[in-house]
Structures are given as C-alpha cells and as structure tokens.
N, C-alpha and C. Protein backbone atom coordinates (compact mmCIF):
# COMPACT_ATOMS: atom_id res chain seq x y z
N MET A 1 0.91 -1.20 0.22
CA MET A 1 0.08 -0.01 0.05
C MET A 1 0.74 1.12 0.05
N ALA A 2 0.56 2.27 -0.69
CA ALA A 2 1.22 3.51 -0.82
C ALA A 2 1.07 4.31 0.37
N GLN A 3 2.07 5.67 0.47
CA GLN A 3 1.52 6.45 1.83
C GLN A 3 0.40 7.04 1.60
N SER A 4 0.00 6.91 0.37
CA SER A 4 -1.52 7.60 0.49
C SER A 4 -2.52 6.76 0.83
N GLY A 5 -2.45 5.66 1.01
CA GLY A 5 -3.19 4.61 1.34
C GLY A 5 -3.65 3.97 0.44
N VAL A 6 -3.54 4.08 -1.07
CA VAL A 6 -4.03 3.64 -2.03
C VAL A 6 -3.40 2.48 -2.72
N SER A 7 -4.10 1.22 -2.73
CA SER A 7 -3.52 -0.24 -3.10
C SER A 7 -3.94 -0.34 -4.24
N VAL A 8 -2.83 -1.43 -4.72
CA VAL A 8 -2.71 -1.88 -6.10
C VAL A 8 -3.59 -3.04 -6.15
N ALA A 9 -4.53 -2.85 -7.21
CA ALA A 9 -5.47 -3.93 -7.58
C ALA A 9 -4.73 -5.26 -8.25
N PRO A 10 -4.93 -6.68 -7.98
CA PRO A 10 -4.30 -7.86 -8.31
C PRO A 10 -4.27 -7.73 -9.99
N GLU A 11 -5.28 -6.97 -10.30
CA GLU A 11 -5.50 -7.15 -11.94
C GLU A 11 -4.09 -6.24 -12.57
N CYS A 12 -3.70 -5.19 -11.75
CA CYS A 12 -2.65 -4.62 -12.87
C CYS A 12 -1.53 -5.41 -12.68
N ILE A 13 -0.95 -6.14 -11.65
CA ILE A 13 0.01 -7.16 -11.68
C ILE A 13 -0.29 -8.11 -12.72
N GLN A 14 -1.27 -8.77 -12.94
CA GLN A 14 -1.85 -9.58 -14.12
C GLN A 14 -1.52 -8.97 -15.18
N ALA A 15 -2.10 -7.63 -15.48
CA ALA A 15 -1.97 -7.18 -16.52
C ALA A 15 -0.45 -7.00 -17.30
N PHE A 16 0.54 -6.62 -16.20
CA PHE A 16 1.80 -6.24 -16.59
C PHE A 16 2.45 -7.57 -16.69
N ASN A 17 2.48 -8.91 -16.32
CA ASN A 17 2.85 -10.18 -16.48
C ASN A 17 2.62 -10.54 -17.87
N GLU A 18 1.27 -10.25 -18.30
CA GLU A 18 1.05 -10.78 -19.75
C GLU A 18 1.44 -9.93 -20.44
N LEU A 19 2.00 -8.51 -20.55
CA LEU A 19 2.77 -7.50 -21.31
C LEU A 19 4.32 -8.31 -21.27
N LYS A 20 4.72 -8.70 -20.18
CA LYS A 20 5.91 -8.77 -19.66
C LYS A 20 6.58 -10.16 -20.26
N LEU A 21 5.65 -11.26 -20.22
CA LEU A 21 5.67 -12.57 -20.64
C LEU A 21 4.98 -12.93 -22.23
N GLY A 22 4.10 -12.24 -22.20
CA GLY A 22 3.15 -12.88 -23.65
C GLY A 22 3.61 -11.96 -24.65
N LYS A 23 4.06 -10.87 -24.43
CA LYS A 23 4.61 -9.96 -25.58
C LYS A 23 3.61 -9.67 -26.44
N SER A 24 2.24 -9.97 -26.30
CA SER A 24 1.61 -9.23 -27.38
C SER A 24 0.97 -8.34 -27.00
N THR A 25 0.65 -7.91 -25.76
CA THR A 25 0.27 -6.70 -25.46
C THR A 25 1.32 -5.54 -25.32
N LYS A 26 1.21 -4.38 -25.85
CA LYS A 26 2.10 -3.30 -26.14
C LYS A 26 2.19 -2.39 -24.60
N TRP A 27 0.88 -2.01 -24.51
CA TRP A 27 0.85 -0.96 -23.34
C TRP A 27 -0.46 -1.36 -22.42
N ILE A 28 -0.32 -0.74 -21.58
CA ILE A 28 -1.15 -0.62 -20.20
C ILE A 28 -1.40 0.77 -19.61
N ILE A 29 -2.46 1.30 -19.47
CA ILE A 29 -2.58 2.60 -18.95
C ILE A 29 -3.63 2.02 -17.36
N TYR A 30 -2.55 2.67 -16.26
CA TYR A 30 -3.48 2.34 -15.07
C TYR A 30 -4.01 3.92 -14.66
N LYS A 31 -5.16 3.74 -13.87
CA LYS A 31 -5.35 5.14 -13.10
C LYS A 31 -5.99 4.66 -11.61
N ILE A 32 -5.85 5.40 -10.85
CA ILE A 32 -6.40 5.57 -9.33
C ILE A 32 -8.20 5.44 -9.59
N SER A 33 -8.61 4.71 -8.97
CA SER A 33 -10.21 4.49 -9.14
C SER A 33 -11.00 5.82 -8.62
N ASP A 34 -11.88 6.09 -8.89
CA ASP A 34 -12.65 7.19 -8.76
C ASP A 34 -13.03 7.48 -7.11
N ASP A 35 -12.66 6.53 -6.24
CA ASP A 35 -12.93 6.48 -5.05
C ASP A 35 -11.32 6.75 -4.29
N TRP A 36 -10.68 6.80 -5.25
CA TRP A 36 -8.91 7.18 -4.90
C TRP A 36 -8.54 6.25 -3.89
N LYS A 37 -9.28 5.04 -3.88
CA LYS A 37 -8.80 3.59 -2.83
C LYS A 37 -7.78 2.70 -3.58
N GLU A 38 -7.78 2.43 -4.68
CA GLU A 38 -7.08 1.45 -5.75
C GLU A 38 -6.66 1.91 -7.06
N ILE A 39 -5.42 1.36 -7.17
CA ILE A 39 -4.92 1.63 -8.64
C ILE A 39 -5.21 0.56 -9.39
N VAL A 40 -5.86 0.60 -10.39
CA VAL A 40 -6.72 -0.28 -11.34
C VAL A 40 -6.07 -0.15 -12.72
N VAL A 41 -6.77 -1.17 -13.59
CA VAL A 41 -6.17 -1.22 -15.05
C VAL A 41 -7.22 -0.26 -15.71
N GLU A 42 -7.08 0.62 -16.48
CA GLU A 42 -7.85 1.36 -17.23
C GLU A 42 -8.22 0.72 -18.44
N GLU A 43 -6.73 0.67 -19.23
CA GLU A 43 -6.64 -0.05 -20.63
C GLU A 43 -5.84 -0.78 -20.91
N THR A 44 -5.72 -1.67 -21.72
CA THR A 44 -4.73 -2.17 -22.58
C THR A 44 -4.43 -2.57 -23.69
N SER A 45 -3.77 -2.71 -24.59
CA SER A 45 -3.81 -2.48 -26.07
C SER A 45 -2.77 -3.13 -26.67
N LYS A 46 -2.78 -4.11 -27.56
CA LYS A 46 -2.00 -4.25 -28.51
C LYS A 46 -1.33 -3.99 -29.82
N ASP A 47 -2.03 -2.44 -29.94
CA ASP A 47 -1.55 -1.74 -31.02
C ASP A 47 -0.48 -1.10 -30.67
N PRO A 48 0.84 -1.30 -31.22
CA PRO A 48 2.17 -0.62 -31.44
C PRO A 48 2.11 0.90 -31.47
N ASP A 49 0.94 1.35 -31.98
CA ASP A 49 0.86 2.90 -32.47
C ASP A 49 1.24 3.54 -31.05
N TYR A 50 2.42 4.60 -31.04
CA TYR A 50 2.64 4.99 -29.96
C TYR A 50 1.95 6.33 -29.92
N SER A 51 1.36 7.09 -30.94
CA SER A 51 0.75 8.27 -30.92
C SER A 51 -0.74 7.94 -30.35
N LYS A 52 -1.05 6.67 -30.34
CA LYS A 52 -2.61 6.50 -30.09
C LYS A 52 -2.50 6.41 -28.45
N PHE A 53 -1.47 5.70 -28.03
CA PHE A 53 -0.96 5.82 -26.59
C PHE A 53 -0.89 7.27 -25.88
N ARG A 54 -0.38 7.93 -26.52
CA ARG A 54 0.09 9.18 -26.38
C ARG A 54 -0.78 10.19 -26.12
N GLU A 55 -2.07 10.00 -27.04
CA GLU A 55 -3.39 10.73 -27.16
C GLU A 55 -4.12 10.20 -26.00
N LYS A 56 -4.13 8.97 -25.67
CA LYS A 56 -4.73 8.65 -24.36
C LYS A 56 -4.48 9.09 -23.07
N LEU A 57 -2.99 9.30 -22.84
CA LEU A 57 -2.40 9.96 -21.60
C LEU A 57 -2.98 11.41 -21.65
N LEU A 58 -2.65 12.25 -22.69
CA LEU A 58 -2.83 13.81 -22.91
C LEU A 58 -4.42 13.94 -22.50
N ASN A 59 -5.39 13.04 -23.09
CA ASN A 59 -6.74 13.31 -22.74
C ASN A 59 -7.43 12.65 -21.69
N ALA A 60 -6.64 12.06 -20.87
CA ALA A 60 -6.91 11.50 -19.18
C ALA A 60 -7.57 12.47 -18.46
N LYS A 61 -8.66 12.02 -17.90
CA LYS A 61 -9.41 13.13 -16.86
C LYS A 61 -9.34 12.45 -15.36
N SER A 62 -9.45 13.31 -14.49
CA SER A 62 -9.83 12.79 -13.08
C SER A 62 -10.80 13.83 -12.19
N LYS A 63 -11.29 13.14 -11.39
CA LYS A 63 -12.02 14.05 -10.62
C LYS A 63 -11.53 14.26 -9.38
N ASN A 64 -11.57 15.81 -8.68
CA ASN A 64 -10.95 15.98 -7.38
C ASN A 64 -11.86 15.65 -6.47
N LYS A 65 -11.67 15.99 -5.35
CA LYS A 65 -12.72 15.65 -4.27
C LYS A 65 -14.19 15.96 -4.07
N ARG A 66 -14.34 17.32 -4.66
CA ARG A 66 -15.55 17.59 -4.84
C ARG A 66 -16.44 17.14 -6.25
N GLY A 67 -15.57 16.17 -6.82
CA GLY A 67 -16.13 15.23 -7.93
C GLY A 67 -16.10 16.23 -9.38
N GLU A 68 -15.38 17.32 -9.42
CA GLU A 68 -15.34 18.13 -10.92
C GLU A 68 -13.93 17.77 -11.30
N GLU A 69 -14.48 17.77 -12.62
CA GLU A 69 -13.31 16.76 -13.74
C GLU A 69 -12.51 17.83 -14.15
N GLY A 70 -11.18 17.37 -14.18
CA GLY A 70 -10.06 18.26 -14.76
C GLY A 70 -8.98 16.73 -15.51
N MET A 71 -8.15 17.63 -15.97
CA MET A 71 -6.89 17.09 -16.47
C MET A 71 -6.44 16.04 -15.51
N GLY A 72 -6.08 14.88 -16.10
CA GLY A 72 -5.69 13.93 -14.86
C GLY A 72 -4.43 13.30 -15.07
N GLY A 73 -3.63 12.53 -14.21
CA GLY A 73 -2.81 11.61 -14.20
C GLY A 73 -2.93 10.28 -14.69
N ARG A 74 -2.10 9.66 -14.95
CA ARG A 74 -1.90 8.23 -15.23
C ARG A 74 -0.65 7.48 -14.70
N TYR A 75 -0.78 6.28 -14.83
CA TYR A 75 0.48 5.68 -15.02
C TYR A 75 0.12 4.63 -16.13
N ALA A 76 1.66 4.36 -16.43
CA ALA A 76 1.16 3.56 -17.77
C ALA A 76 2.76 2.79 -17.99
N VAL A 77 2.78 1.67 -18.52
CA VAL A 77 3.99 0.93 -19.16
C VAL A 77 3.45 0.57 -20.80
N PHE A 78 4.98 0.85 -21.38
CA PHE A 78 4.68 0.80 -22.59
C PHE A 78 6.17 -0.17 -23.12
N ASP A 79 6.05 -1.06 -24.10
CA ASP A 79 6.88 -1.66 -24.16
C ASP A 79 7.35 -1.17 -25.68
N LEU A 80 8.75 -0.39 -25.14
CA LEU A 80 9.13 0.75 -25.97
C LEU A 80 10.09 -0.20 -27.14
N GLU A 81 10.00 -0.15 -28.13
CA GLU A 81 11.11 -0.60 -29.29
C GLU A 81 12.02 0.57 -29.69
N TYR A 82 12.94 0.23 -29.93
CA TYR A 82 13.97 1.15 -30.75
C TYR A 82 14.99 0.65 -31.38
N ASP A 83 15.79 1.35 -32.20
CA ASP A 83 17.04 0.80 -32.83
C ASP A 83 18.35 1.38 -31.85
N ALA A 84 19.10 0.52 -31.57
CA ALA A 84 20.28 0.74 -30.81
C ALA A 84 21.33 1.56 -31.52
N GLU A 85 22.00 2.34 -30.74
CA GLU A 85 22.80 3.07 -31.47
C GLU A 85 23.94 2.15 -32.25
N GLY A 86 24.68 2.77 -33.23
CA GLY A 86 25.87 1.95 -33.67
C GLY A 86 25.40 0.73 -34.41
N GLY A 87 24.15 0.61 -34.98
CA GLY A 87 23.71 -0.39 -35.86
C GLY A 87 23.87 -1.55 -35.14
N GLU A 88 23.36 -1.70 -33.94
CA GLU A 88 23.60 -2.79 -33.04
C GLU A 88 22.33 -3.57 -33.07
N GLY A 89 21.07 -3.56 -33.80
CA GLY A 89 20.05 -3.87 -34.10
C GLY A 89 18.75 -3.18 -33.02
N LYS A 90 17.91 -3.92 -33.13
CA LYS A 90 16.65 -3.28 -32.17
C LYS A 90 16.83 -4.02 -30.87
N ARG A 91 16.09 -3.04 -29.78
CA ARG A 91 15.91 -3.07 -28.72
C ARG A 91 14.78 -3.00 -27.99
N SER A 92 14.45 -3.52 -26.76
CA SER A 92 12.83 -3.16 -26.37
C SER A 92 13.05 -3.30 -24.99
N LYS A 93 12.61 -2.13 -24.33
CA LYS A 93 12.49 -2.05 -22.91
C LYS A 93 11.03 -1.77 -22.48
N ILE A 94 10.92 -2.24 -21.43
CA ILE A 94 9.58 -2.02 -20.69
C ILE A 94 9.64 -0.79 -19.79
N THR A 95 8.90 0.22 -20.07
CA THR A 95 9.03 1.39 -19.72
C THR A 95 8.09 1.86 -18.77
N PHE A 96 8.14 2.31 -17.42
CA PHE A 96 7.06 2.72 -16.74
C PHE A 96 7.01 4.26 -17.07
N ILE A 97 6.04 4.87 -16.94
CA ILE A 97 5.39 6.30 -17.24
C ILE A 97 4.51 6.77 -16.30
N SER A 98 4.90 7.86 -15.46
CA SER A 98 3.80 8.50 -14.33
C SER A 98 4.17 9.54 -15.05
N TRP A 99 2.53 10.05 -15.45
CA TRP A 99 2.05 11.11 -16.23
C TRP A 99 1.13 11.89 -15.17
N VAL A 100 1.37 12.91 -14.60
CA VAL A 100 1.17 13.77 -13.62
C VAL A 100 1.29 15.26 -13.95
N PRO A 101 0.32 15.59 -15.52
CA PRO A 101 0.62 16.94 -15.73
C PRO A 101 0.63 18.24 -14.75
N ASP A 102 1.27 18.99 -15.01
CA ASP A 102 1.51 20.31 -14.17
C ASP A 102 0.34 20.96 -13.96
N ASP A 103 -0.50 20.84 -14.75
CA ASP A 103 -1.98 21.86 -14.94
C ASP A 103 -3.19 21.22 -14.38
N SER A 104 -3.03 19.88 -13.61
CA SER A 104 -3.85 19.00 -13.52
C SER A 104 -4.27 19.56 -11.86
N PRO A 105 -5.57 19.21 -11.42
CA PRO A 105 -5.92 19.95 -10.15
C PRO A 105 -5.06 19.01 -9.09
N GLN A 106 -4.91 19.97 -7.93
CA GLN A 106 -4.31 19.80 -6.76
C GLN A 106 -3.76 18.30 -6.39
N TYR A 107 -5.33 17.86 -5.83
CA TYR A 107 -5.68 16.47 -5.34
C TYR A 107 -5.05 15.53 -6.17
N PRO A 108 -5.50 15.35 -7.62
CA PRO A 108 -5.10 14.37 -8.16
C PRO A 108 -3.61 14.48 -8.42
N ARG A 109 -3.04 15.74 -8.70
CA ARG A 109 -1.51 15.70 -8.93
C ARG A 109 -0.78 15.08 -7.44
N MET A 110 -1.45 15.14 -6.32
CA MET A 110 -0.70 14.83 -5.14
C MET A 110 -1.24 13.26 -4.99
N MET A 111 -2.00 12.86 -5.36
CA MET A 111 -2.53 11.49 -5.23
C MET A 111 -1.65 10.30 -6.15
N TYR A 112 -1.32 10.93 -7.38
CA TYR A 112 -0.74 10.28 -8.31
C TYR A 112 1.02 10.23 -8.08
N SER A 113 1.15 11.37 -7.28
CA SER A 113 2.74 11.58 -6.96
C SER A 113 3.07 10.40 -5.90
N SER A 114 2.12 10.64 -4.83
CA SER A 114 2.45 9.54 -3.60
C SER A 114 1.92 8.27 -3.67
N SER A 115 1.49 7.71 -4.88
CA SER A 115 1.16 6.61 -4.99
C SER A 115 1.93 5.74 -5.95
N LYS A 116 2.72 6.35 -6.59
CA LYS A 116 3.27 5.92 -7.80
C LYS A 116 4.30 4.62 -7.19
N ASP A 117 5.16 4.74 -6.36
CA ASP A 117 5.86 3.70 -5.73
C ASP A 117 5.36 2.37 -5.48
N ALA A 118 4.07 2.70 -4.98
CA ALA A 118 3.36 1.19 -4.63
C ALA A 118 3.31 0.51 -5.92
N LEU A 119 2.77 1.26 -6.87
CA LEU A 119 2.65 0.20 -8.35
C LEU A 119 3.81 -0.01 -8.63
N LYS A 120 4.85 0.71 -8.77
CA LYS A 120 6.41 0.11 -9.36
C LYS A 120 6.84 -0.91 -8.62
N ARG A 121 6.62 -0.81 -7.05
CA ARG A 121 7.07 -1.73 -6.27
C ARG A 121 6.55 -3.26 -6.94
N ALA A 122 5.31 -3.13 -7.25
CA ALA A 122 4.26 -4.37 -7.47
C ALA A 122 4.87 -5.10 -8.92
N LEU A 123 5.39 -3.93 -9.81
CA LEU A 123 5.68 -4.58 -11.37
C LEU A 123 7.16 -4.99 -11.35
N ASN A 124 7.46 -6.12 -11.37
CA ASN A 124 8.92 -6.56 -11.58
C ASN A 124 9.37 -6.76 -12.82
N GLY A 125 10.39 -5.96 -13.21
CA GLY A 125 10.65 -6.47 -14.64
C GLY A 125 10.79 -5.13 -15.70
N ILE A 126 10.66 -3.83 -14.73
CA ILE A 126 10.58 -2.50 -15.46
C ILE A 126 12.00 -2.17 -15.71
N ALA A 127 12.44 -1.95 -16.84
CA ALA A 127 13.68 -1.58 -17.36
C ALA A 127 13.94 0.00 -17.16
N ALA A 128 12.82 1.09 -17.44
CA ALA A 128 13.10 2.27 -17.33
C ALA A 128 12.05 2.91 -16.80
N ASP A 129 12.16 4.06 -16.06
CA ASP A 129 11.00 4.90 -15.31
C ASP A 129 11.09 6.41 -15.81
N ILE A 130 10.16 6.68 -16.35
CA ILE A 130 9.91 8.11 -16.64
C ILE A 130 8.85 8.93 -16.05
N GLN A 131 9.42 10.07 -15.33
CA GLN A 131 8.50 11.18 -14.70
C GLN A 131 8.02 12.05 -15.91
N ALA A 132 6.98 12.04 -16.04
CA ALA A 132 6.26 13.01 -17.11
C ALA A 132 5.37 14.15 -16.78
N ASN A 133 5.64 15.27 -16.74
CA ASN A 133 4.54 16.45 -16.38
C ASN A 133 4.33 17.47 -17.50
N ASP A 134 4.55 17.17 -18.45
CA ASP A 134 4.53 18.03 -19.64
C ASP A 134 4.45 17.22 -20.88
N PRO A 135 3.62 17.78 -21.92
CA PRO A 135 3.40 16.62 -23.15
C PRO A 135 4.79 16.56 -24.11
N ASP A 136 5.66 17.60 -23.72
CA ASP A 136 6.88 17.02 -24.47
C ASP A 136 7.72 15.84 -23.78
N ASP A 137 7.30 15.62 -22.54
CA ASP A 137 7.99 14.70 -21.68
C ASP A 137 7.73 13.20 -22.34
N ILE A 138 6.60 13.30 -22.91
CA ILE A 138 6.05 11.83 -23.77
C ILE A 138 5.95 12.07 -25.02
N GLU A 139 6.69 12.94 -25.65
CA GLU A 139 7.05 12.69 -27.03
C GLU A 139 7.60 11.35 -27.29
N HIS A 140 7.72 10.65 -28.50
CA HIS A 140 7.95 9.24 -28.88
C HIS A 140 9.72 9.40 -28.82
N ASP A 141 10.21 10.40 -29.36
CA ASP A 141 11.62 10.75 -29.51
C ASP A 141 12.56 10.90 -28.09
N SER A 142 11.38 12.04 -27.49
CA SER A 142 12.00 12.26 -26.03
C SER A 142 12.21 10.87 -25.04
N LEU A 143 10.95 10.05 -25.38
CA LEU A 143 10.94 8.67 -24.37
C LEU A 143 12.26 7.86 -25.31
N ILE A 144 12.54 7.78 -26.45
CA ILE A 144 13.47 6.81 -27.09
C ILE A 144 14.84 7.30 -26.63
N GLN A 145 15.11 8.74 -26.61
CA GLN A 145 16.43 9.36 -26.35
C GLN A 145 16.53 8.70 -24.76
N ARG A 146 15.61 8.94 -23.72
CA ARG A 146 16.21 8.63 -22.39
C ARG A 146 15.97 7.48 -22.01
N VAL A 147 15.24 6.55 -22.55
CA VAL A 147 15.41 5.30 -22.48
C VAL A 147 16.33 4.20 -23.13
N SER A 148 17.11 4.83 -24.12
CA SER A 148 18.28 4.20 -24.76
C SER A 148 19.55 4.63 -24.01
N LYS A 149 19.29 5.71 -23.19
CA LYS A 149 20.33 6.00 -22.25
C LYS A 149 20.51 5.36 -20.91
N GLY A 150 19.55 4.61 -20.51
CA GLY A 150 19.46 3.65 -19.38
C GLY A 150 18.69 4.46 -18.39
N ARG A 151 17.76 5.54 -18.68
CA ARG A 151 17.32 6.44 -17.52
C ARG A 151 15.84 6.08 -17.38
C-alpha cells in the first residue's frame, strides 16, 4: 500500500505479467479509481502505435474531491522498441511512465505522486522509469532518447 493509502489491484500485476511474458500486449494504462482507494487497469492494447497511446494519456481526466473533472494523471507501461546506436539492432525496454500534468488539479497530482511507488514496487521487470509532467516529456523521440541512455 502507498503512503497515500491507495492499494494496487491484483489485475494490475496480472496485466503487467501478460505484457512482460506474452509480448502481445504493447501497453497498459493504469488509473487511481474514482474513490481514490485503488490503482486499477484502465486499458490495455496490442496496438504498437505510440501516437494513440500518447493521445490517451494527454486526454486523461480525473475528478477532484468535490467531483469536478479536470486534466488527470495516469501511470502507464509501454513496451518501447527502438534501434540501438551503432547499428546494434533493435532493443526493447519495458518503460514505466508516471504522467502527472503540471496543470492538473492539486488533489489528483498529489495522489498520483504519492501512490506511484506502490505500483512500481508491484511490477517486477521495469527497465526504465519516466516521470512526465509536460506533453513534451511523452513525445516518442524524447522517450527513446531517455530510455536508450538507460534512464
């Protein structure tokens, strides 16, 4: 359980293991449930199109304590493939992304920031960890650049 009191639903680990072992799932988007008590799977996909994945993150919504909807945070895992430098062939890294936009409401920002480690600890096999607060942080080229350098 996270410092925030948010727990990780078993389905989160199951979906991650399917991505990690099966390799047919390309990405998973997780969210904190509307009652702010549990991290759950929002969506999984076999579509390798990064632009569709990015669009889902950019359009995510969360409700604050008063029930007002605003820009929302998400956690995501993307099986990122890229060409290694020096012509060493293709590489693949399972990348954890914590998407907490700077202009999202305060309560969702706080909850996503303080609950991240609980989910990360539950997912064994993450190769890279990206903290994203701005749309530029989740541009495909930006991610490739950070992941290929081992960050």
